[in-house]
């Protein structure tokens, strides 16, 4: 029973981290998109380096989270969990 509780806690933590990572990525994407919108004269602008780096970091974090989710799915489907 303790194993199941620990697994559920791990899964809940993973869900919370996943939600936070997707939120950060969405916000970073929105900022890059906002910075690319044309200014008053109609010419599009380039997003700042910091903004682009933030988006790339958020994307990398989300990819790492996807790998963790995939690993957990494999554990579940092979019977190593529950």
PDB file of N, CA and C in Angstrom:
ATOM      1  N   UNK A   1       0.816  -1.194   0.000  1.00  0.00           N
ATOM      2  CA  UNK A   1       0.000   0.000   0.000  1.00  0.00           C
ATOM      3  C   UNK A   1       0.862   1.262   0.000  1.00  0.00           C
ATOM      4  N   UNK A   2       2.005   1.203   0.675  1.00  0.00           N
ATOM      5  CA  UNK A   2       2.884   2.367   0.699  1.00  0.00           C
ATOM      6  C   UNK A   2       3.448   2.674  -0.692  1.00  0.00           C
ATOM      7  N   UNK A   3       3.678   1.604  -1.483  1.00  0.00           N
ATOM      8  CA  UNK A   3       4.169   1.816  -2.838  1.00  0.00           C
ATOM      9  C   UNK A   3       3.138   2.587  -3.656  1.00  0.00           C
ATOM     10  N   UNK A   4       1.904   2.187  -3.537  1.00  0.00           N
ATOM     11  CA  UNK A   4       0.847   2.862  -4.290  1.00  0.00           C
ATOM     12  C   UNK A   4       0.728   4.327  -3.887  1.00  0.00           C
ATOM     13  N   UNK A   5       0.828   4.579  -2.604  1.00  0.00           N
ATOM     14  CA  UNK A   5       0.761   5.966  -2.138  1.00  0.00           C
ATOM     15  C   UNK A   5       1.925   6.767  -2.701  1.00  0.00           C
ATOM     16  N   UNK A   6       3.124   6.191  -2.678  1.00  0.00           N
ATOM     17  CA  UNK A   6       4.297   6.870  -3.217  1.00  0.00           C
ATOM     18  C   UNK A   6       4.133   7.107  -4.713  1.00  0.00           C
ATOM     19  N   UNK A   7       3.602   6.123  -5.449  1.00  0.00           N
ATOM     20  CA  UNK A   7       3.392   6.280  -6.886  1.00  0.00           C
ATOM     21  C   UNK A   7       2.378   7.383  -7.168  1.00  0.00           C
ATOM     22  N   UNK A   8       1.311   7.385  -6.394  1.00  0.00           N
ATOM     23  CA  UNK A   8       0.294   8.438  -6.591  1.00  0.00           C
ATOM     24  C   UNK A   8       0.872   9.821  -6.317  1.00  0.00           C
ATOM     25  N   UNK A   9       1.694   9.921  -5.285  1.00  0.00           N
ATOM     26  CA  UNK A   9       2.331  11.205  -4.987  1.00  0.00           C
ATOM     27  C   UNK A   9       3.268  11.615  -6.124  1.00  0.00           C
ATOM     28  N   UNK A  10       4.027  10.642  -6.661  1.00  0.00           N
ATOM     29  CA  UNK A  10       4.901  10.939  -7.794  1.00  0.00           C
ATOM     30  C   UNK A  10       4.082  11.404  -8.998  1.00  0.00           C
ATOM     31  N   UNK A  11       2.984  10.706  -9.262  1.00  0.00           N
ATOM     32  CA  UNK A  11       2.136  11.067 -10.395  1.00  0.00           C
ATOM     33  C   UNK A  11       1.525  12.451 -10.201  1.00  0.00           C
ATOM     34  N   UNK A  12       1.075  12.740  -8.994  1.00  0.00           N
ATOM     35  CA  UNK A  12       0.484  14.049  -8.726  1.00  0.00           C
ATOM     36  C   UNK A  12       1.526  15.152  -8.879  1.00  0.00           C
ATOM     37  N   UNK A  13       2.721  14.914  -8.399  1.00  0.00           N
ATOM     38  CA  UNK A  13       3.805  15.883  -8.553  1.00  0.00           C
ATOM     39  C   UNK A  13       4.131  16.094 -10.028  1.00  0.00           C
ATOM     40  N   UNK A  14       4.148  15.009 -10.790  1.00  0.00           N
ATOM     41  CA  UNK A  14       4.418  15.107 -12.218  1.00  0.00           C
ATOM     42  C   UNK A  14       3.332  15.907 -12.925  1.00  0.00           C
ATOM     43  N   UNK A  15       2.082  15.694 -12.562  1.00  0.00           N
ATOM     44  CA  UNK A  15       0.976  16.457 -13.153  1.00  0.00           C
ATOM     45  C   UNK A  15       1.116  17.941 -12.825  1.00  0.00           C
ATOM     46  N   UNK A  16       1.454  18.260 -11.591  1.00  0.00           N
ATOM     47  CA  UNK A  16       1.626  19.658 -11.198  1.00  0.00           C
ATOM     48  C   UNK A  16       2.780  20.305 -11.962  1.00  0.00           C
ATOM     49  N   UNK A  17       3.881  19.579 -12.086  1.00  0.00           N
ATOM     50  CA  UNK A  17       5.027  20.108 -12.818  1.00  0.00           C
ATOM     51  C   UNK A  17       4.704  20.260 -14.302  1.00  0.00           C
ATOM     52  N   UNK A  18       3.949  19.302 -14.860  1.00  0.00           N
ATOM     53  CA  UNK A  18       3.541  19.368 -16.256  1.00  0.00           C
ATOM     54  C   UNK A  18       2.687  20.616 -16.497  1.00  0.00           C
ATOM     55  N   UNK A  19       1.707  20.828 -15.626  1.00  0.00           N
ATOM     56  CA  UNK A  19       0.837  21.995 -15.772  1.00  0.00           C
ATOM     57  C   UNK A  19       1.626  23.295 -15.677  1.00  0.00           C
ATOM     58  N   UNK A  20       2.566  23.361 -14.744  1.00  0.00           N
ATOM     59  CA  UNK A  20       3.387  24.562 -14.600  1.00  0.00           C
ATOM     60  C   UNK A  20       4.269  24.768 -15.834  1.00  0.00           C
ATOM     61  N   UNK A  21       4.826  23.692 -16.364  1.00  0.00           N
ATOM     62  CA  UNK A  21       5.690  23.797 -17.544  1.00  0.00           C
ATOM     63  C   UNK A  21       4.888  24.237 -18.766  1.00  0.00           C
ATOM     64  N   UNK A  22       3.700  23.696 -18.949  1.00  0.00           N
ATOM     65  CA  UNK A  22       2.884  24.105 -20.095  1.00  0.00           C
ATOM     66  C   UNK A  22       2.456  25.554 -19.960  1.00  0.00           C
ATOM     67  N   UNK A  23       2.186  25.992 -18.747  1.00  0.00           N
ATOM     68  CA  UNK A  23       1.815  27.389 -18.523  1.00  0.00           C
ATOM     69  C   UNK A  23       2.978  28.317 -18.869  1.00  0.00           C
ATOM     70  N   UNK A  24       4.186  27.972 -18.398  1.00  0.00           N
ATOM     71  CA  UNK A  24       5.362  28.787 -18.705  1.00  0.00           C
ATOM     72  C   UNK A  24       5.624  28.835 -20.212  1.00  0.00           C
ATOM     73  N   UNK A  25       5.470  27.696 -20.886  1.00  0.00           N
ATOM     74  CA  UNK A  25       5.702  27.653 -22.323  1.00  0.00           C
ATOM     75  C   UNK A  25       4.660  28.490 -23.065  1.00  0.00           C
ATOM     76  N   UNK A  26       3.414  28.398 -22.663  1.00  0.00           N
ATOM     77  CA  UNK A  26       2.361  29.194 -23.300  1.00  0.00           C
ATOM     78  C   UNK A  26       2.622  30.684 -23.128  1.00  0.00           C
ATOM     79  N   UNK A  27       3.016  31.078 -21.931  1.00  0.00           N
ATOM     80  CA  UNK A  27       3.315  32.487 -21.680  1.00  0.00           C
ATOM     81  C   UNK A  27       4.514  32.963 -22.506  1.00  0.00           C
ATOM     82  N   UNK A  28       5.537  32.125 -22.604  1.00  0.00           N
ATOM     83  CA  UNK A  28       6.726  32.497 -23.380  1.00  0.00           C
ATOM     84  C   UNK A  28       6.378  32.603 -24.861  1.00  0.00           C
ATOM     85  N   UNK A  29       5.584  31.674 -25.357  1.00  0.00           N
ATOM     86  CA  UNK A  29       5.158  31.730 -26.754  1.00  0.00           C
ATOM     87  C   UNK A  29       4.331  32.981 -27.024  1.00  0.00           C
ATOM     88  N   UNK A  30       3.444  33.301 -26.119  1.00  0.00           N
ATOM     89  CA  UNK A  30       2.604  34.482 -26.287  1.00  0.00           C
ATOM     90  C   UNK A  30       3.459  35.750 -26.316  1.00  0.00           C
ATOM     91  N   UNK A  31       4.476  35.807 -25.493  1.00  0.00           N
ATOM     92  CA  UNK A  31       5.352  36.983 -25.467  1.00  0.00           C
ATOM     93  C   UNK A  31       6.139  37.115 -26.773  1.00  0.00           C
ATOM     94  N   UNK A  32       6.648  35.998 -27.282  1.00  0.00           N
ATOM     95  CA  UNK A  32       7.377  36.034 -28.553  1.00  0.00           C
ATOM     96  C   UNK A  32       6.434  36.484 -29.667  1.00  0.00           C
ATOM     97  N   UNK A  33       5.235  35.952 -29.676  1.00  0.00           N
ATOM     98  CA  UNK A  33       4.251  36.329 -30.694  1.00  0.00           C
ATOM     99  C   UNK A  33       3.908  37.807 -30.576  1.00  0.00           C
ATOM    100  N   UNK A  34       3.733  38.280 -29.359  1.00  0.00           N
ATOM    101  CA  UNK A  34       3.401  39.685 -29.146  1.00  0.00           C
ATOM    102  C   UNK A  34       4.520  40.583 -29.661  1.00  0.00           C
ATOM    103  N   UNK A  35       5.760  40.177 -29.422  1.00  0.00           N
ATOM    104  CA  UNK A  35       6.885  40.996 -29.868  1.00  0.00           C
ATOM    105  C   UNK A  35       7.066  40.965 -31.382  1.00  0.00           C
ATOM    106  N   UNK A  36       6.570  39.919 -32.031  1.00  0.00           N
ATOM    107  CA  UNK A  36       6.679  39.823 -33.486  1.00  0.00           C
ATOM    108  C   UNK A  36       5.585  40.603 -34.207  1.00  0.00           C
ATOM    109  N   UNK A  37       4.562  41.032 -33.505  1.00  0.00           N
ATOM    110  CA  UNK A  37       3.483  41.778 -34.143  1.00  0.00           C
ATOM    111  C   UNK A  37       4.001  43.090 -34.696  1.00  0.00           C
ATOM    112  N   UNK A  38       3.434  43.530 -35.802  1.00  0.00           N
ATOM    113  CA  UNK A  38       3.879  44.802 -36.387  1.00  0.00           C
ATOM    114  C   UNK A  38       3.622  45.969 -35.440  1.00  0.00           C
ATOM    115  N   UNK A  39       4.544  46.923 -35.500  1.00  0.00           N
ATOM    116  CA  UNK A  39       4.383  48.145 -34.712  1.00  0.00           C
ATOM    117  C   UNK A  39       3.421  49.074 -35.457  1.00  0.00           C
ATOM    118  N   UNK A  40       3.333  50.295 -35.041  1.00  0.00           N
ATOM    119  CA  UNK A  40       2.413  51.255 -35.636  1.00  0.00           C
ATOM    120  C   UNK A  40       2.671  51.525 -37.114  1.00  0.00           C
ATOM    121  N   UNK A  41       3.922  51.377 -37.556  1.00  0.00           N
ATOM    122  CA  UNK A  41       4.226  51.650 -38.964  1.00  0.00           C
ATOM    123  C   UNK A  41       4.011  50.440 -39.864  1.00  0.00           C
ATOM    124  N   UNK A  42       3.600  49.305 -39.303  1.00  0.00           N
ATOM    125  CA  UNK A  42       3.283  48.122 -40.095  1.00  0.00           C
ATOM    126  C   UNK A  42       4.427  47.159 -40.314  1.00  0.00           C
ATOM    127  N   UNK A  43       5.627  47.467 -39.815  1.00  0.00           N
ATOM    128  CA  UNK A  43       6.760  46.560 -39.997  1.00  0.00           C
ATOM    129  C   UNK A  43       6.873  45.634 -38.789  1.00  0.00           C
ATOM    130  N   UNK A  44       7.024  44.341 -39.043  1.00  0.00           N
ATOM    131  CA  UNK A  44       7.176  43.406 -37.917  1.00  0.00           C
ATOM    132  C   UNK A  44       8.534  43.595 -37.248  1.00  0.00           C
ATOM    133  N   UNK A  45       8.597  43.305 -35.978  1.00  0.00           N
ATOM    134  CA  UNK A  45       9.845  43.441 -35.223  1.00  0.00           C
ATOM    135  C   UNK A  45      10.326  42.069 -34.783  1.00  0.00           C
ATOM    136  N   UNK A  46      11.575  42.000 -34.411  1.00  0.00           N
ATOM    137  CA  UNK A  46      12.151  40.757 -33.912  1.00  0.00           C
ATOM    138  C   UNK A  46      12.020  40.712 -32.397  1.00  0.00           C
ATOM    139  N   UNK A  47      11.704  39.533 -31.841  1.00  0.00           N
ATOM    140  CA  UNK A  47      11.657  39.425 -30.380  1.00  0.00           C
ATOM    141  C   UNK A  47      13.058  39.553 -29.794  1.00  0.00           C
ATOM    142  N   UNK A  48      13.135  39.946 -28.547  1.00  0.00           N
ATOM    143  CA  UNK A  48      14.424  40.111 -27.885  1.00  0.00           C
ATOM    144  C   UNK A  48      15.092  38.762 -27.673  1.00  0.00           C
ATOM    145  N   UNK A  49      16.405  38.788 -27.536  1.00  0.00           N
ATOM    146  CA  UNK A  49      17.174  37.563 -27.294  1.00  0.00           C
ATOM    147  C   UNK A  49      16.702  36.872 -26.015  1.00  0.00           C
ATOM    148  N   UNK A  50      16.483  37.654 -24.983  1.00  0.00           N
ATOM    149  CA  UNK A  50      16.046  37.096 -23.701  1.00  0.00           C
ATOM    150  C   UNK A  50      14.715  36.376 -23.848  1.00  0.00           C
ATOM    151  N   UNK A  51      13.816  36.979 -24.602  1.00  0.00           N
ATOM    152  CA  UNK A  51      12.498  36.388 -24.814  1.00  0.00           C
ATOM    153  C   UNK A  51      12.621  35.063 -25.576  1.00  0.00           C
ATOM    154  N   UNK A  52      13.456  35.042 -26.590  1.00  0.00           N
ATOM    155  CA  UNK A  52      13.658  33.821 -27.377  1.00  0.00           C
ATOM    156  C   UNK A  52      14.301  32.741 -26.518  1.00  0.00           C
ATOM    157  N   UNK A  53      15.287  33.113 -25.703  1.00  0.00           N
ATOM    158  CA  UNK A  53      15.927  32.139 -24.810  1.00  0.00           C
ATOM    159  C   UNK A  53      14.938  31.579 -23.791  1.00  0.00           C
ATOM    160  N   UNK A  54      14.071  32.438 -23.296  1.00  0.00           N
ATOM    161  CA  UNK A  54      13.058  31.984 -22.334  1.00  0.00           C
ATOM    162  C   UNK A  54      12.131  30.964 -22.985  1.00  0.00           C
ATOM    163  N   UNK A  55      11.730  31.239 -24.225  1.00  0.00           N
ATOM    164  CA  UNK A  55      10.855  30.294 -24.929  1.00  0.00           C
ATOM    165  C   UNK A  55      11.569  28.965 -25.176  1.00  0.00           C
ATOM    166  N   UNK A  56      12.828  29.012 -25.576  1.00  0.00           N
ATOM    167  CA  UNK A  56      13.590  27.787 -25.819  1.00  0.00           C
ATOM    168  C   UNK A  56      13.771  26.979 -24.537  1.00  0.00           C
ATOM    169  N   UNK A  57      14.027  27.659 -23.441  1.00  0.00           N
ATOM    170  CA  UNK A  57      14.173  26.963 -22.157  1.00  0.00           C
ATOM    171  C   UNK A  57      12.854  26.312 -21.744  1.00  0.00           C
ATOM    172  N   UNK A  58      11.760  27.017 -21.953  1.00  0.00           N
ATOM    173  CA  UNK A  58      10.452  26.458 -21.614  1.00  0.00           C
ATOM    174  C   UNK A  58      10.138  25.254 -22.499  1.00  0.00           C
ATOM    175  N   UNK A  59      10.508  25.330 -23.771  1.00  0.00           N
ATOM    176  CA  UNK A  59      10.282  24.206 -24.679  1.00  0.00           C
ATOM    177  C   UNK A  59      11.118  22.999 -24.264  1.00  0.00           C
ATOM    178  N   UNK A  60      12.369  23.226 -23.871  1.00  0.00           N
ATOM    179  CA  UNK A  60      13.239  22.139 -23.423  1.00  0.00           C
ATOM    180  C   UNK A  60      12.699  21.499 -22.146  1.00  0.00           C
ATOM    181  N   UNK A  61      12.196  22.329 -21.243  1.00  0.00           N
ATOM    182  CA  UNK A  61      11.610  21.802 -20.013  1.00  0.00           C
ATOM    183  C   UNK A  61      10.393  20.947 -20.321  1.00  0.00           C
ATOM    184  N   UNK A  62       9.573  21.391 -21.256  1.00  0.00           N
ATOM    185  CA  UNK A  62       8.382  20.637 -21.632  1.00  0.00           C
ATOM    186  C   UNK A  62       8.762  19.305 -22.286  1.00  0.00           C
ATOM    187  N   UNK A  63       9.809  19.303 -23.089  1.00  0.00           N
ATOM    188  CA  UNK A  63      10.282  18.059 -23.699  1.00  0.00           C
ATOM    189  C   UNK A  63      10.760  17.076 -22.629  1.00  0.00           C
ATOM    190  N   UNK A  64      11.466  17.585 -21.633  1.00  0.00           N
ATOM    191  CA  UNK A  64      11.919  16.726 -20.536  1.00  0.00           C
ATOM    192  C   UNK A  64      10.726  16.142 -19.786  1.00  0.00           C
ATOM    193  N   UNK A  65       9.698  16.958 -19.607  1.00  0.00           N
ATOM    194  CA  UNK A  65       8.493  16.479 -18.930  1.00  0.00           C
ATOM    195  C   UNK A  65       7.797  15.404 -19.775  1.00  0.00           C
ATOM    196  N   UNK A  66       7.779  15.574 -21.089  1.00  0.00           N
ATOM    197  CA  UNK A  66       7.173  14.569 -21.971  1.00  0.00           C
ATOM    198  C   UNK A  66       7.881  13.231 -21.829  1.00  0.00           C
ATOM    199  N   UNK A  67       9.214  13.287 -21.730  1.00  0.00           N
ATOM    200  CA  UNK A  67       9.976  12.053 -21.562  1.00  0.00           C
ATOM    201  C   UNK A  67       9.644  11.376 -20.238  1.00  0.00           C
ATOM    202  N   UNK A  68       9.482  12.164 -19.185  1.00  0.00           N
ATOM    203  CA  UNK A  68       9.125  11.587 -17.888  1.00  0.00           C
ATOM    204  C   UNK A  68       7.738  10.961 -17.929  1.00  0.00           C
ATOM    205  N   UNK A  69       6.810  11.629 -18.591  1.00  0.00           N
ATOM    206  CA  UNK A  69       5.451  11.081 -18.721  1.00  0.00           C
ATOM    207  C   UNK A  69       5.505   9.776 -19.510  1.00  0.00           C
ATOM    208  N   UNK A  70       6.264   9.752 -20.590  1.00  0.00           N
ATOM    209  CA  UNK A  70       6.389   8.540 -21.398  1.00  0.00           C
ATOM    210  C   UNK A  70       6.991   7.399 -20.582  1.00  0.00           C
ATOM    211  N   UNK A  71       8.010   7.726 -19.790  1.00  0.00           N
ATOM    212  CA  UNK A  71       8.638   6.706 -18.945  1.00  0.00           C
ATOM    213  C   UNK A  71       7.639   6.134 -17.954  1.00  0.00           C
ATOM    214  N   UNK A  72       6.823   7.007 -17.357  1.00  0.00           N
ATOM    215  CA  UNK A  72       5.833   6.546 -16.394  1.00  0.00           C
ATOM    216  C   UNK A  72       4.764   5.692 -17.078  1.00  0.00           C
ATOM    217  N   UNK A  73       4.378   6.059 -18.296  1.00  0.00           N
ATOM    218  CA  UNK A  73       3.398   5.260 -19.039  1.00  0.00           C
ATOM    219  C   UNK A  73       3.935   3.867 -19.320  1.00  0.00           C
ATOM    220  N   UNK A  74       5.215   3.789 -19.675  1.00  0.00           N
ATOM    221  CA  UNK A  74       5.832   2.488 -19.939  1.00  0.00           C
ATOM    222  C   UNK A  74       5.834   1.649 -18.669  1.00  0.00           C
ATOM    223  N   UNK A  75       6.187   2.251 -17.545  1.00  0.00           N
ATOM    224  CA  UNK A  75       6.171   1.529 -16.271  1.00  0.00           C
ATOM    225  C   UNK A  75       4.776   1.007 -15.969  1.00  0.00           C
ATOM    226  N   UNK A  76       3.788   1.821 -16.238  1.00  0.00           N
ATOM    227  CA  UNK A  76       2.419   1.403 -15.960  1.00  0.00           C
ATOM    228  C   UNK A  76       1.986   0.274 -16.895  1.00  0.00           C
ATOM    229  N   UNK A  77       2.269   0.411 -18.186  1.00  0.00           N
ATOM    230  CA  UNK A  77       1.815  -0.592 -19.138  1.00  0.00           C
ATOM    231  C   UNK A  77       2.565  -1.921 -19.011  1.00  0.00           C
ATOM    232  N   UNK A  78       3.787  -1.901 -18.478  1.00  0.00           N
ATOM    233  CA  UNK A  78       4.526  -3.144 -18.296  1.00  0.00           C
ATOM    234  C   UNK A  78       4.244  -3.793 -16.951  1.00  0.00           C
ATOM    235  N   UNK A  79       3.433  -3.155 -16.142  1.00  0.00           N
ATOM    236  CA  UNK A  79       3.068  -3.750 -14.865  1.00  0.00           C
ATOM    237  C   UNK A  79       4.001  -3.424 -13.723  1.00  0.00           C
ATOM    238  N   UNK A  80       4.912  -2.500 -13.896  1.00  0.00           N
ATOM    239  CA  UNK A  80       5.837  -2.141 -12.816  1.00  0.00           C
ATOM    240  C   UNK A  80       5.183  -1.206 -11.822  1.00  0.00           C
ATOM    241  N   UNK A  81       4.066  -0.629 -12.227  1.00  0.00           N
ATOM    242  CA  UNK A  81       3.277   0.226 -11.314  1.00  0.00           C
ATOM    243  C   UNK A  81       1.902  -0.396 -11.185  1.00  0.00           C
ATOM    244  N   UNK A  82       1.439  -0.443  -9.976  1.00  0.00           N
ATOM    245  CA  UNK A  82       0.097  -0.950  -9.647  1.00  0.00           C
ATOM    246  C   UNK A  82      -0.026  -2.362 -10.047  1.00  0.00           C
TER     247      UNK A  82
END
